[in-house]
Amino acid sequence: MRELGALETRAYDAIGFGAPESNEIATTAGLTRSEAHIALSSLELEGFIVRRGSGWARSQTIV
């Protein structure tokens, strides 16, 4: 698994242990909606996060 970039790290940290929606993640992380979308897509592809209803949550398989 590769190392996270700056956008991905900020988005991942903004998710915390809840299941916030992408707009909330963008606001908390200080990212634009486009940056958040890019980061979330990358995190999902790498298996760091999963969809939970209309929000995002950290994957249970990543340590």
N, C-alpha and C. Protein backbone atom coordinates (compact mmCIF):
# COMPACT_ATOMS: atom_id res chain seq x y z
N MET A 1 0.84 -1.18 0.00
CA MET A 1 0.00 0.00 0.00
C MET A 1 0.89 1.24 0.00
N ARG A 2 0.50 2.23 -0.73
CA ARG A 2 1.33 3.43 -0.85
C ARG A 2 1.07 4.41 0.28
N GLU A 3 1.97 5.37 0.40
CA GLU A 3 1.84 6.41 1.41
C GLU A 3 0.80 7.44 0.96
N LEU A 4 0.07 8.02 1.90
CA LEU A 4 -0.95 9.00 1.56
C LEU A 4 -0.33 10.35 1.23
N GLY A 5 -0.94 11.05 0.27
CA GLY A 5 -0.53 12.40 -0.07
C GLY A 5 -1.19 13.40 0.88
N ALA A 6 -0.88 14.67 0.70
CA ALA A 6 -1.39 15.73 1.59
C ALA A 6 -2.92 15.81 1.58
N LEU A 7 -3.53 15.79 0.40
CA LEU A 7 -5.00 15.88 0.32
C LEU A 7 -5.65 14.67 0.97
N GLU A 8 -5.11 13.50 0.70
CA GLU A 8 -5.66 12.27 1.25
C GLU A 8 -5.54 12.23 2.76
N THR A 9 -4.40 12.67 3.27
CA THR A 9 -4.20 12.70 4.72
C THR A 9 -5.19 13.64 5.38
N ARG A 10 -5.38 14.81 4.81
CA ARG A 10 -6.33 15.77 5.39
C ARG A 10 -7.75 15.24 5.37
N ALA A 11 -8.14 14.61 4.26
CA ALA A 11 -9.50 14.05 4.16
C ALA A 11 -9.67 12.88 5.12
N TYR A 12 -8.68 12.01 5.19
CA TYR A 12 -8.75 10.84 6.09
C TYR A 12 -8.87 11.29 7.55
N ASP A 13 -8.07 12.28 7.94
CA ASP A 13 -8.14 12.82 9.30
C ASP A 13 -9.50 13.45 9.58
N ALA A 14 -10.10 14.09 8.58
CA ALA A 14 -11.40 14.75 8.76
C ALA A 14 -12.52 13.73 8.93
N ILE A 15 -12.35 12.53 8.42
CA ILE A 15 -13.39 11.50 8.57
C ILE A 15 -13.50 11.07 10.02
N GLY A 16 -12.36 11.00 10.71
CA GLY A 16 -12.38 10.60 12.10
C GLY A 16 -12.99 9.22 12.25
N PHE A 17 -13.86 9.06 13.24
CA PHE A 17 -14.45 7.75 13.49
C PHE A 17 -15.96 7.75 13.27
N GLY A 18 -16.46 8.78 12.60
CA GLY A 18 -17.87 8.84 12.25
C GLY A 18 -18.06 8.45 10.80
N ALA A 19 -19.11 8.96 10.19
CA ALA A 19 -19.38 8.72 8.77
C ALA A 19 -19.89 10.01 8.14
N PRO A 20 -19.02 11.06 8.12
CA PRO A 20 -19.45 12.34 7.58
C PRO A 20 -19.63 12.31 6.06
N GLU A 21 -20.44 13.22 5.55
CA GLU A 21 -20.64 13.36 4.12
C GLU A 21 -19.46 14.12 3.52
N SER A 22 -19.31 14.06 2.22
CA SER A 22 -18.15 14.66 1.55
C SER A 22 -18.05 16.17 1.77
N ASN A 23 -19.18 16.88 1.82
CA ASN A 23 -19.14 18.33 2.05
C ASN A 23 -18.59 18.64 3.44
N GLU A 24 -18.98 17.87 4.42
CA GLU A 24 -18.48 18.06 5.78
C GLU A 24 -16.97 17.75 5.85
N ILE A 25 -16.56 16.71 5.15
CA ILE A 25 -15.14 16.35 5.11
C ILE A 25 -14.34 17.49 4.48
N ALA A 26 -14.83 18.03 3.37
CA ALA A 26 -14.15 19.14 2.70
C ALA A 26 -14.00 20.33 3.64
N THR A 27 -15.06 20.69 4.32
CA THR A 27 -15.03 21.83 5.24
C THR A 27 -14.06 21.59 6.39
N THR A 28 -14.16 20.43 7.02
CA THR A 28 -13.30 20.11 8.16
C THR A 28 -11.83 20.05 7.75
N ALA A 29 -11.56 19.52 6.57
CA ALA A 29 -10.18 19.36 6.10
C ALA A 29 -9.63 20.62 5.46
N GLY A 30 -10.48 21.61 5.22
CA GLY A 30 -10.03 22.83 4.56
C GLY A 30 -9.74 22.61 3.09
N LEU A 31 -10.52 21.71 2.46
CA LEU A 31 -10.34 21.39 1.05
C LEU A 31 -11.52 21.91 0.25
N THR A 32 -11.28 22.13 -1.05
CA THR A 32 -12.40 22.44 -1.93
C THR A 32 -13.18 21.15 -2.16
N ARG A 33 -14.36 21.26 -2.70
CA ARG A 33 -15.15 20.05 -3.00
C ARG A 33 -14.42 19.16 -3.99
N SER A 34 -13.78 19.78 -4.97
CA SER A 34 -13.03 19.00 -5.97
C SER A 34 -11.86 18.26 -5.34
N GLU A 35 -11.12 18.95 -4.47
CA GLU A 35 -9.99 18.31 -3.78
C GLU A 35 -10.48 17.16 -2.91
N ALA A 36 -11.59 17.38 -2.21
CA ALA A 36 -12.15 16.34 -1.35
C ALA A 36 -12.58 15.14 -2.18
N HIS A 37 -13.21 15.39 -3.33
CA HIS A 37 -13.65 14.30 -4.20
C HIS A 37 -12.45 13.48 -4.68
N ILE A 38 -11.40 14.15 -5.09
CA ILE A 38 -10.18 13.47 -5.54
C ILE A 38 -9.60 12.62 -4.41
N ALA A 39 -9.49 13.22 -3.23
CA ALA A 39 -8.92 12.52 -2.07
C ALA A 39 -9.77 11.33 -1.67
N LEU A 40 -11.09 11.50 -1.61
CA LEU A 40 -11.99 10.41 -1.21
C LEU A 40 -11.96 9.27 -2.22
N SER A 41 -11.93 9.61 -3.50
CA SER A 41 -11.85 8.58 -4.53
C SER A 41 -10.58 7.76 -4.39
N SER A 42 -9.48 8.44 -4.16
CA SER A 42 -8.19 7.76 -3.99
C SER A 42 -8.19 6.88 -2.74
N LEU A 43 -8.70 7.43 -1.64
CA LEU A 43 -8.76 6.66 -0.39
C LEU A 43 -9.64 5.43 -0.53
N GLU A 44 -10.75 5.55 -1.27
CA GLU A 44 -11.63 4.42 -1.48
C GLU A 44 -10.94 3.35 -2.34
N LEU A 45 -10.29 3.78 -3.40
CA LEU A 45 -9.59 2.83 -4.28
C LEU A 45 -8.49 2.08 -3.54
N GLU A 46 -7.82 2.75 -2.61
CA GLU A 46 -6.74 2.13 -1.85
C GLU A 46 -7.25 1.29 -0.67
N GLY A 47 -8.57 1.36 -0.40
CA GLY A 47 -9.15 0.56 0.67
C GLY A 47 -9.09 1.19 2.05
N PHE A 48 -8.77 2.49 2.12
CA PHE A 48 -8.70 3.17 3.41
C PHE A 48 -10.07 3.55 3.95
N ILE A 49 -11.03 3.81 3.04
CA ILE A 49 -12.37 4.23 3.45
C ILE A 49 -13.42 3.46 2.65
N VAL A 50 -14.64 3.46 3.19
CA VAL A 50 -15.79 2.83 2.52
C VAL A 50 -17.00 3.74 2.66
N ARG A 51 -17.95 3.57 1.76
CA ARG A 51 -19.22 4.30 1.83
C ARG A 51 -20.07 3.75 2.95
N ARG A 52 -20.68 4.64 3.72
CA ARG A 52 -21.64 4.28 4.76
C ARG A 52 -22.86 5.16 4.54
N GLY A 53 -23.85 4.65 3.82
CA GLY A 53 -25.02 5.46 3.49
C GLY A 53 -24.61 6.61 2.61
N SER A 54 -24.84 7.84 3.05
CA SER A 54 -24.46 9.01 2.27
C SER A 54 -23.11 9.58 2.72
N GLY A 55 -22.46 8.89 3.65
CA GLY A 55 -21.18 9.38 4.17
C GLY A 55 -20.04 8.43 3.91
N TRP A 56 -18.93 8.73 4.54
CA TRP A 56 -17.70 7.94 4.40
C TRP A 56 -17.19 7.53 5.77
N ALA A 57 -16.66 6.31 5.86
CA ALA A 57 -16.11 5.82 7.12
C ALA A 57 -14.77 5.14 6.85
N ARG A 58 -13.94 5.12 7.88
CA ARG A 58 -12.67 4.43 7.77
C ARG A 58 -12.92 2.93 7.62
N SER A 59 -12.12 2.29 6.80
CA SER A 59 -12.24 0.86 6.58
C SER A 59 -11.79 0.11 7.83
N GLN A 60 -12.45 -0.96 8.11
CA GLN A 60 -12.09 -1.79 9.28
C GLN A 60 -10.90 -2.68 8.99
N THR A 61 -10.50 -2.80 7.72
CA THR A 61 -9.41 -3.70 7.37
C THR A 61 -8.04 -3.03 7.40
N ILE A 62 -7.99 -1.71 7.49
CA ILE A 62 -6.73 -0.98 7.52
C ILE A 62 -6.28 -0.79 8.96
N VAL A 63 -5.04 -1.08 9.23
CA VAL A 63 -4.50 -0.93 10.58
C VAL A 63 -3.58 0.26 10.60
